[in-house]
Amino acid sequence: MIGPLRLYQVIIIIVAILTISFVYHRLRSKKTTPATFGLWIVAWIVILFFAFKPNVSDPLAGVFGIGRGIDLLLIVGLLLSLYMNFRLYIKFDDLNQQINNLVREIAIKNEIELDEDE
């Protein structure tokens, strides 16, 4: 049974509701896929589970030689954030390269058209 809610649990509930509703709105407007929506739902269910049952992660933390389960959750969260940052960096770098190539092609095409007009 769950006792009285702690402040961090209330905050996590509010953030989860806001995030899920935002992703749902993006799904309805076809800006995200059902798979991405499902991934966010699962992620927030896991976050909510550990918010209400933080001691469940203690045995898993022991397997990795980490003292407390909350420390394991923070480390995993940090590593996931770093991984997502890296993936975004790669995507932005690829987009930057594509834009540079497109601008170069347009500039060359415009130069050729100007030469033909003379």
Protein backbone atom coordinates (compact mmCIF):
# COMPACT_ATOMS: atom_id res chain seq x y z
CA MET A 1 0.00 0.00 0.00
CA ILE A 2 1.18 3.49 -0.79
CA GLY A 3 1.32 5.95 2.09
CA PRO A 4 1.15 9.72 1.86
CA LEU A 5 2.78 11.16 -1.23
CA ARG A 6 6.14 12.87 -0.94
CA LEU A 7 6.86 16.09 -2.80
CA TYR A 8 9.14 14.42 -5.38
CA GLN A 9 6.41 11.88 -6.15
CA VAL A 10 3.87 14.63 -6.78
CA ILE A 11 6.36 16.43 -9.04
CA ILE A 12 7.07 13.23 -10.98
CA ILE A 13 3.33 12.61 -11.43
CA ILE A 14 2.79 16.14 -12.75
CA VAL A 15 5.77 15.94 -15.12
CA ALA A 16 4.66 12.50 -16.34
CA ILE A 17 1.13 13.72 -17.07
CA LEU A 18 2.40 16.83 -18.88
CA THR A 19 4.94 14.86 -20.91
CA ILE A 20 2.51 12.12 -21.88
CA SER A 21 -0.14 14.69 -22.89
CA PHE A 22 2.45 16.60 -24.95
CA VAL A 23 3.57 13.43 -26.75
CA TYR A 24 -0.08 12.42 -27.24
CA HIS A 25 -0.78 15.82 -28.84
CA ARG A 26 2.20 15.27 -31.17
CA LEU A 27 0.85 11.81 -32.01
CA ARG A 28 -2.61 13.21 -32.83
CA SER A 29 -1.08 15.87 -35.09
CA LYS A 30 1.07 13.20 -36.81
CA LYS A 31 4.34 14.76 -35.63
CA THR A 32 5.43 11.56 -33.89
CA THR A 33 4.95 7.86 -34.51
CA PRO A 34 2.90 5.43 -32.42
CA ALA A 35 6.15 3.60 -31.60
CA THR A 36 7.69 6.77 -30.17
CA PHE A 37 4.52 7.46 -28.21
CA GLY A 38 4.63 3.92 -26.84
CA LEU A 39 8.28 4.31 -25.89
CA TRP A 40 7.50 7.47 -23.90
CA ILE A 41 4.56 5.77 -22.17
CA VAL A 42 6.76 2.84 -21.14
CA ALA A 43 9.54 5.18 -19.99
CA TRP A 44 7.20 7.20 -17.78
CA ILE A 45 5.56 4.08 -16.36
CA VAL A 46 9.02 2.84 -15.35
CA ILE A 47 9.88 6.24 -13.85
CA LEU A 48 6.60 6.30 -11.92
CA PHE A 49 7.16 2.73 -10.72
CA PHE A 50 10.60 3.55 -9.32
CA ALA A 51 9.28 6.79 -7.82
CA PHE A 52 6.79 4.83 -5.75
CA LYS A 53 8.94 1.74 -5.16
CA PRO A 54 12.55 3.02 -5.06
CA ASN A 55 13.81 0.09 -2.98
CA VAL A 56 13.00 -2.34 -5.79
CA SER A 57 16.18 -1.23 -7.57
CA ASP A 58 18.44 -2.01 -4.57
CA PRO A 59 19.12 -5.67 -5.49
CA LEU A 60 19.93 -4.71 -9.07
CA ALA A 61 22.29 -2.00 -7.80
CA GLY A 62 24.11 -4.63 -5.74
CA VAL A 63 24.75 -6.66 -8.90
CA PHE A 64 26.63 -3.68 -10.36
CA GLY A 65 28.47 -2.96 -7.10
CA ILE A 66 26.50 0.22 -6.41
CA GLY A 67 25.33 0.77 -2.84
CA ARG A 68 21.81 2.12 -3.34
CA GLY A 69 19.19 1.63 -5.99
CA ILE A 70 18.61 5.35 -6.37
CA ASP A 71 22.29 5.78 -7.25
CA LEU A 72 21.90 3.17 -9.97
CA LEU A 73 18.83 4.94 -11.34
CA LEU A 74 20.65 8.28 -11.41
CA ILE A 75 23.66 6.75 -13.17
CA VAL A 76 21.47 5.01 -15.74
CA GLY A 77 19.52 8.25 -16.28
CA LEU A 78 22.72 10.22 -16.77
CA LEU A 79 24.11 7.66 -19.21
CA LEU A 80 20.87 7.64 -21.20
CA SER A 81 20.90 11.45 -21.31
CA LEU A 82 24.49 11.48 -22.55
CA TYR A 83 23.66 8.87 -25.19
CA MET A 84 20.64 10.88 -26.38
CA ASN A 85 22.78 14.03 -26.50
CA PHE A 86 25.34 12.21 -28.62
CA ARG A 87 22.65 10.95 -31.02
CA LEU A 88 21.26 14.49 -31.35
CA TYR A 89 24.75 15.83 -32.04
CA ILE A 90 25.21 13.25 -34.82
CA LYS A 91 21.80 14.14 -36.32
CA PHE A 92 22.56 17.88 -36.23
CA ASP A 93 25.97 17.29 -37.76
CA ASP A 94 24.41 15.22 -40.57
CA LEU A 95 21.78 17.92 -41.19
CA ASN A 96 24.48 20.58 -41.26
CA GLN A 97 26.40 18.59 -43.86
CA GLN A 98 23.26 18.09 -45.97
CA ILE A 99 22.48 21.82 -45.84
CA ASN A 100 26.05 22.68 -46.85
CA ASN A 101 25.87 20.27 -49.79
CA LEU A 102 22.49 21.66 -50.87
CA VAL A 103 23.70 25.28 -50.69
CA ARG A 104 26.80 24.34 -52.65
CA GLU A 105 24.70 22.65 -55.37
CA ILE A 106 22.34 25.64 -55.60
CA ALA A 107 25.26 28.06 -55.79
CA ILE A 108 26.89 26.04 -58.59
CA LYS A 109 23.58 25.77 -60.47
CA ASN A 110 22.98 29.54 -60.17
CA GLU A 111 26.51 30.25 -61.38
CA ILE A 112 25.98 28.03 -64.44
CA GLU A 113 22.67 29.75 -65.22
CA LEU A 114 24.31 33.18 -64.95
CA ASP A 115 27.06 32.11 -67.36
CA GLU A 116 24.47 30.92 -69.90
CA ASP A 117 22.61 34.25 -69.73
CA GLU A 118 25.68 36.24 -70.76
